Every structure is written in structure tokens, then in C-alpha cells.
């Protein structure tokens, strides 16, 4: 049976990230947006786990 491909969520807007990096004097590699989205996903997953462990269904800023 073929593996079901997960839908990839995109949290970061490529043009905004590129603009920020450019103003900071940096350029971005091709896969920087993908890596940033993976980091954001990991942060949100960890925040959800922390929230759940504390008996809440609402993620608060301190969960991040």
C-alpha cells in the first residue's frame, strides 16, 4: 500500500522572510523557507504538548 503523503503547512511568507533577511544584509538559500516552516511546526507541536500536559486546550505565549 502506498504511503499517504502528509500535507505540508506553510506558516512563513517567502517574500516577507526574504525582505527581512535582505534588510539585515543576508541572502537566503532555496530551502530556508522549508526549514523555517519545519522549525515553526516543531515549536507549535511542543507548545501543544506543554499545554496539554498542563490540562489546557489553549496554547499560551509561555508555552512557546
PDB file of N, CA and C in Angstrom:
ATOM      1  N   UNK A   1       0.846  -1.181   0.000  1.00  0.00           N
ATOM      2  CA  UNK A   1       0.000   0.000   0.000  1.00  0.00           C
ATOM      3  C   UNK A   1       0.891   1.243   0.000  1.00  0.00           C
ATOM      4  N   UNK A   2       0.628   2.221  -0.869  1.00  0.00           N
ATOM      5  CA  UNK A   2       1.456   3.433  -0.927  1.00  0.00           C
ATOM      6  C   UNK A   2       1.293   4.270   0.341  1.00  0.00           C
ATOM      7  N   UNK A   3       2.385   4.903   0.734  1.00  0.00           N
ATOM      8  CA  UNK A   3       2.371   5.762   1.914  1.00  0.00           C
ATOM      9  C   UNK A   3       1.588   7.042   1.606  1.00  0.00           C
ATOM     10  N   UNK A   4       0.732   7.440   2.528  1.00  0.00           N
ATOM     11  CA  UNK A   4      -0.050   8.669   2.367  1.00  0.00           C
ATOM     12  C   UNK A   4       0.854   9.842   2.682  1.00  0.00           C
ATOM     13  N   UNK A   5       0.907  10.800   1.777  1.00  0.00           N
ATOM     14  CA  UNK A   5       1.770  11.958   1.954  1.00  0.00           C
ATOM     15  C   UNK A   5       1.061  12.977   2.843  1.00  0.00           C
ATOM     16  N   UNK A   6       1.774  13.458   3.875  1.00  0.00           N
ATOM     17  CA  UNK A   6       1.220  14.476   4.747  1.00  0.00           C
ATOM     18  C   UNK A   6       1.161  15.810   4.021  1.00  0.00           C
ATOM     19  N   UNK A   7       0.132  16.584   4.348  1.00  0.00           N
ATOM     20  CA  UNK A   7       0.028  17.927   3.791  1.00  0.00           C
ATOM     21  C   UNK A   7       0.998  18.834   4.553  1.00  0.00           C
ATOM     22  N   UNK A   8       1.814  19.545   3.819  1.00  0.00           N
ATOM     23  CA  UNK A   8       2.788  20.444   4.429  1.00  0.00           C
ATOM     24  C   UNK A   8       2.139  21.811   4.605  1.00  0.00           C
ATOM     25  N   UNK A   9       2.196  22.319   5.831  1.00  0.00           N
ATOM     26  CA  UNK A   9       1.642  23.638   6.106  1.00  0.00           C
ATOM     27  C   UNK A   9       2.743  24.685   5.947  1.00  0.00           C
ATOM     28  N   UNK A  10       2.371  25.814   5.429  1.00  0.00           N
ATOM     29  CA  UNK A  10       3.321  26.906   5.223  1.00  0.00           C
ATOM     30  C   UNK A  10       2.927  28.068   6.130  1.00  0.00           C
ATOM     31  N   UNK A  11       3.739  28.323   7.135  1.00  0.00           N
ATOM     32  CA  UNK A  11       3.473  29.393   8.080  1.00  0.00           C
ATOM     33  C   UNK A  11       4.187  30.678   7.679  1.00  0.00           C
ATOM     34  N   UNK A  12       5.353  30.550   7.090  1.00  0.00           N
ATOM     35  CA  UNK A  12       6.173  31.704   6.745  1.00  0.00           C
ATOM     36  C   UNK A  12       5.900  32.144   5.307  1.00  0.00           C
ATOM     37  N   UNK A  13       5.822  33.434   5.106  1.00  0.00           N
ATOM     38  CA  UNK A  13       5.625  34.000   3.774  1.00  0.00           C
ATOM     39  C   UNK A  13       7.002  34.277   3.175  1.00  0.00           C
ATOM     40  N   UNK A  14       7.293  33.599   2.065  1.00  0.00           N
ATOM     41  CA  UNK A  14       8.616  33.666   1.443  1.00  0.00           C
ATOM     42  C   UNK A  14       9.076  35.109   1.203  1.00  0.00           C
ATOM     43  N   UNK A  15       8.221  35.943   0.644  1.00  0.00           N
ATOM     44  CA  UNK A  15       8.627  37.313   0.310  1.00  0.00           C
ATOM     45  C   UNK A  15       8.939  38.128   1.564  1.00  0.00           C
ATOM     46  N   UNK A  16       8.196  37.903   2.633  1.00  0.00           N
ATOM     47  CA  UNK A  16       8.432  38.634   3.875  1.00  0.00           C
ATOM     48  C   UNK A  16       9.753  38.212   4.507  1.00  0.00           C
ATOM     49  N   UNK A  17      10.031  36.922   4.497  1.00  0.00           N
ATOM     50  CA  UNK A  17      11.287  36.423   5.054  1.00  0.00           C
ATOM     51  C   UNK A  17      12.458  36.953   4.241  1.00  0.00           C
ATOM     52  N   UNK A  18      12.340  36.898   2.923  1.00  0.00           N
ATOM     53  CA  UNK A  18      13.424  37.389   2.057  1.00  0.00           C
ATOM     54  C   UNK A  18      13.657  38.888   2.280  1.00  0.00           C
ATOM     55  N   UNK A  19      12.573  39.652   2.434  1.00  0.00           N
ATOM     56  CA  UNK A  19      12.692  41.088   2.670  1.00  0.00           C
ATOM     57  C   UNK A  19      13.412  41.349   4.001  1.00  0.00           C
ATOM     58  N   UNK A  20      13.017  40.621   5.043  1.00  0.00           N
ATOM     59  CA  UNK A  20      13.644  40.773   6.356  1.00  0.00           C
ATOM     60  C   UNK A  20      15.136  40.462   6.286  1.00  0.00           C
ATOM     61  N   UNK A  21      15.468  39.337   5.659  1.00  0.00           N
ATOM     62  CA  UNK A  21      16.873  38.940   5.550  1.00  0.00           C
ATOM     63  C   UNK A  21      17.673  39.953   4.732  1.00  0.00           C
ATOM     64  N   UNK A  22      17.070  40.446   3.661  1.00  0.00           N
ATOM     65  CA  UNK A  22      17.739  41.423   2.806  1.00  0.00           C
ATOM     66  C   UNK A  22      18.049  42.705   3.580  1.00  0.00           C
ATOM     67  N   UNK A  23      17.073  43.174   4.357  1.00  0.00           N
ATOM     68  CA  UNK A  23      17.278  44.391   5.157  1.00  0.00           C
ATOM     69  C   UNK A  23      18.342  44.179   6.230  1.00  0.00           C
ATOM     70  N   UNK A  24      18.519  42.934   6.636  1.00  0.00           N
ATOM     71  CA  UNK A  24      19.531  42.595   7.638  1.00  0.00           C
ATOM     72  C   UNK A  24      20.890  42.306   6.999  1.00  0.00           C
ATOM     73  N   UNK A  25      20.954  42.402   5.667  1.00  0.00           N
ATOM     74  CA  UNK A  25      22.209  42.204   4.962  1.00  0.00           C
ATOM     75  C   UNK A  25      22.498  40.758   4.598  1.00  0.00           C
ATOM     76  N   UNK A  26      21.459  39.908   4.599  1.00  0.00           N
ATOM     77  CA  UNK A  26      21.646  38.493   4.293  1.00  0.00           C
ATOM     78  C   UNK A  26      20.867  38.091   3.058  1.00  0.00           C
ATOM     79  N   UNK A  27      21.287  36.986   2.475  1.00  0.00           N
ATOM     80  CA  UNK A  27      20.547  36.352   1.393  1.00  0.00           C
ATOM     81  C   UNK A  27      20.041  35.022   1.924  1.00  0.00           C
ATOM     82  N   UNK A  28      19.056  34.441   1.239  1.00  0.00           N
ATOM     83  CA  UNK A  28      18.521  33.167   1.719  1.00  0.00           C
ATOM     84  C   UNK A  28      18.728  32.078   0.678  1.00  0.00           C
ATOM     85  N   UNK A  29      19.041  30.894   1.176  1.00  0.00           N
ATOM     86  CA  UNK A  29      19.166  29.733   0.310  1.00  0.00           C
ATOM     87  C   UNK A  29      17.786  29.246  -0.098  1.00  0.00           C
ATOM     88  N   UNK A  30      17.758  28.357  -1.080  1.00  0.00           N
ATOM     89  CA  UNK A  30      16.492  27.851  -1.619  1.00  0.00           C
ATOM     90  C   UNK A  30      15.585  27.228  -0.570  1.00  0.00           C
ATOM     91  N   UNK A  31      16.168  26.482   0.341  1.00  0.00           N
ATOM     92  CA  UNK A  31      15.349  25.698   1.267  1.00  0.00           C
ATOM     93  C   UNK A  31      15.161  26.353   2.634  1.00  0.00           C
ATOM     94  N   UNK A  32      15.521  27.619   2.769  1.00  0.00           N
ATOM     95  CA  UNK A  32      15.404  28.269   4.077  1.00  0.00           C
ATOM     96  C   UNK A  32      13.940  28.360   4.521  1.00  0.00           C
ATOM     97  N   UNK A  33      13.016  28.584   3.617  1.00  0.00           N
ATOM     98  CA  UNK A  33      11.594  28.678   3.977  1.00  0.00           C
ATOM     99  C   UNK A  33      11.091  27.323   4.461  1.00  0.00           C
ATOM    100  N   UNK A  34      11.485  26.249   3.794  1.00  0.00           N
ATOM    101  CA  UNK A  34      11.078  24.912   4.225  1.00  0.00           C
ATOM    102  C   UNK A  34      11.606  24.618   5.628  1.00  0.00           C
ATOM    103  N   UNK A  35      12.863  24.967   5.868  1.00  0.00           N
ATOM    104  CA  UNK A  35      13.463  24.738   7.186  1.00  0.00           C
ATOM    105  C   UNK A  35      12.771  25.582   8.250  1.00  0.00           C
ATOM    106  N   UNK A  36      12.431  26.821   7.908  1.00  0.00           N
ATOM    107  CA  UNK A  36      11.731  27.704   8.846  1.00  0.00           C
ATOM    108  C   UNK A  36      10.352  27.140   9.170  1.00  0.00           C
ATOM    109  N   UNK A  37       9.637  26.658   8.172  1.00  0.00           N
ATOM    110  CA  UNK A  37       8.321  26.057   8.414  1.00  0.00           C
ATOM    111  C   UNK A  37       8.434  24.816   9.301  1.00  0.00           C
ATOM    112  N   UNK A  38       9.481  24.026   9.128  1.00  0.00           N
ATOM    113  CA  UNK A  38       9.697  22.854   9.984  1.00  0.00           C
ATOM    114  C   UNK A  38       9.948  23.274  11.428  1.00  0.00           C
ATOM    115  N   UNK A  39      10.742  24.341  11.614  1.00  0.00           N
ATOM    116  CA  UNK A  39      11.004  24.853  12.964  1.00  0.00           C
ATOM    117  C   UNK A  39       9.724  25.347  13.627  1.00  0.00           C
ATOM    118  N   UNK A  40       8.914  26.097  12.873  1.00  0.00           N
ATOM    119  CA  UNK A  40       7.657  26.618  13.415  1.00  0.00           C
ATOM    120  C   UNK A  40       6.736  25.460  13.796  1.00  0.00           C
ATOM    121  N   UNK A  41       6.660  24.438  12.952  1.00  0.00           N
ATOM    122  CA  UNK A  41       5.834  23.271  13.247  1.00  0.00           C
ATOM    123  C   UNK A  41       6.301  22.598  14.535  1.00  0.00           C
ATOM    124  N   UNK A  42       7.612  22.442  14.702  1.00  0.00           N
ATOM    125  CA  UNK A  42       8.156  21.823  15.907  1.00  0.00           C
ATOM    126  C   UNK A  42       7.834  22.650  17.152  1.00  0.00           C
ATOM    127  N   UNK A  43       7.946  23.964  17.043  1.00  0.00           N
ATOM    128  CA  UNK A  43       7.634  24.856  18.166  1.00  0.00           C
ATOM    129  C   UNK A  43       6.166  24.722  18.549  1.00  0.00           C
ATOM    130  N   UNK A  44       5.279  24.716  17.559  1.00  0.00           N
ATOM    131  CA  UNK A  44       3.847  24.607  17.839  1.00  0.00           C
ATOM    132  C   UNK A  44       3.483  23.239  18.406  1.00  0.00           C
ATOM    133  N   UNK A  45       4.120  22.186  17.903  1.00  0.00           N
ATOM    134  CA  UNK A  45       3.890  20.844  18.450  1.00  0.00           C
ATOM    135  C   UNK A  45       4.295  20.782  19.920  1.00  0.00           C
ATOM    136  N   UNK A  46       5.469  21.327  20.240  1.00  0.00           N
ATOM    137  CA  UNK A  46       5.952  21.327  21.620  1.00  0.00           C
ATOM    138  C   UNK A  46       5.036  22.168  22.519  1.00  0.00           C
ATOM    139  N   UNK A  47       4.573  23.297  22.012  1.00  0.00           N
ATOM    140  CA  UNK A  47       3.664  24.147  22.783  1.00  0.00           C
ATOM    141  C   UNK A  47       2.344  23.429  23.048  1.00  0.00           C
ATOM    142  N   UNK A  48       1.866  22.694  22.066  1.00  0.00           N
ATOM    143  CA  UNK A  48       0.631  21.924  22.248  1.00  0.00           C
ATOM    144  C   UNK A  48       0.812  20.849  23.302  1.00  0.00           C
ATOM    145  N   UNK A  49       1.942  20.170  23.288  1.00  0.00           N
ATOM    146  CA  UNK A  49       2.226  19.137  24.286  1.00  0.00           C
ATOM    147  C   UNK A  49       2.302  19.735  25.689  1.00  0.00           C
ATOM    148  N   UNK A  50       2.953  20.888  25.804  1.00  0.00           N
ATOM    149  CA  UNK A  50       3.077  21.552  27.107  1.00  0.00           C
ATOM    150  C   UNK A  50       1.709  21.983  27.617  1.00  0.00           C
ATOM    151  N   UNK A  51       0.907  22.548  26.734  1.00  0.00           N
ATOM    152  CA  UNK A  51      -0.436  22.982  27.092  1.00  0.00           C
ATOM    153  C   UNK A  51      -1.280  21.796  27.567  1.00  0.00           C
ATOM    154  N   UNK A  52      -1.229  20.720  26.808  1.00  0.00           N
ATOM    155  CA  UNK A  52      -1.992  19.516  27.150  1.00  0.00           C
ATOM    156  C   UNK A  52      -1.535  18.934  28.489  1.00  0.00           C
ATOM    157  N   UNK A  53      -0.222  18.922  28.721  1.00  0.00           N
ATOM    158  CA  UNK A  53       0.324  18.401  29.967  1.00  0.00           C
ATOM    159  C   UNK A  53      -0.138  19.213  31.173  1.00  0.00           C
ATOM    160  N   UNK A  54      -0.469  20.473  30.929  1.00  0.00           N
ATOM    161  CA  UNK A  54      -0.949  21.353  31.996  1.00  0.00           C
ATOM    162  C   UNK A  54      -2.474  21.416  32.043  1.00  0.00           C
ATOM    163  N   UNK A  55      -3.129  20.499  31.331  1.00  0.00           N
ATOM    164  CA  UNK A  55      -4.589  20.404  31.392  1.00  0.00           C
ATOM    165  C   UNK A  55      -5.324  21.498  30.644  1.00  0.00           C
ATOM    166  N   UNK A  56      -4.662  22.094  29.666  1.00  0.00           N
ATOM    167  CA  UNK A  56      -5.294  23.162  28.883  1.00  0.00           C
ATOM    168  C   UNK A  56      -5.394  22.757  27.422  1.00  0.00           C
ATOM    169  N   UNK A  57      -6.399  23.296  26.756  1.00  0.00           N
ATOM    170  CA  UNK A  57      -6.514  23.101  25.313  1.00  0.00           C
ATOM    171  C   UNK A  57      -6.165  24.376  24.567  1.00  0.00           C
ATOM    172  N   UNK A  58      -5.789  25.397  25.322  1.00  0.00           N
ATOM    173  CA  UNK A  58      -5.396  26.679  24.745  1.00  0.00           C
ATOM    174  C   UNK A  58      -3.896  26.849  24.888  1.00  0.00           C
ATOM    175  N   UNK A  59      -3.232  27.118  23.786  1.00  0.00           N
ATOM    176  CA  UNK A  59      -1.790  27.384  23.815  1.00  0.00           C
ATOM    177  C   UNK A  59      -1.587  28.855  24.189  1.00  0.00           C
ATOM    178  N   UNK A  60      -0.788  29.053  25.219  1.00  0.00           N
ATOM    179  CA  UNK A  60      -0.499  30.399  25.703  1.00  0.00           C
ATOM    180  C   UNK A  60       0.908  30.800  25.277  1.00  0.00           C
ATOM    181  N   UNK A  61       1.214  32.099  25.284  1.00  0.00           N
ATOM    182  CA  UNK A  61       2.551  32.535  24.862  1.00  0.00           C
ATOM    183  C   UNK A  61       3.678  31.853  25.631  1.00  0.00           C
ATOM    184  N   UNK A  62       3.477  31.575  26.905  1.00  0.00           N
ATOM    185  CA  UNK A  62       4.539  30.953  27.697  1.00  0.00           C
ATOM    186  C   UNK A  62       4.727  29.475  27.346  1.00  0.00           C
ATOM    187  N   UNK A  63       3.826  28.884  26.583  1.00  0.00           N
ATOM    188  CA  UNK A  63       4.011  27.514  26.096  1.00  0.00           C
ATOM    189  C   UNK A  63       5.044  27.466  24.971  1.00  0.00           C
ATOM    190  N   UNK A  64       5.243  28.594  24.321  1.00  0.00           N
ATOM    191  CA  UNK A  64       6.193  28.665  23.216  1.00  0.00           C
ATOM    192  C   UNK A  64       7.609  28.693  23.752  1.00  0.00           C
TER     193      UNK A  64
END
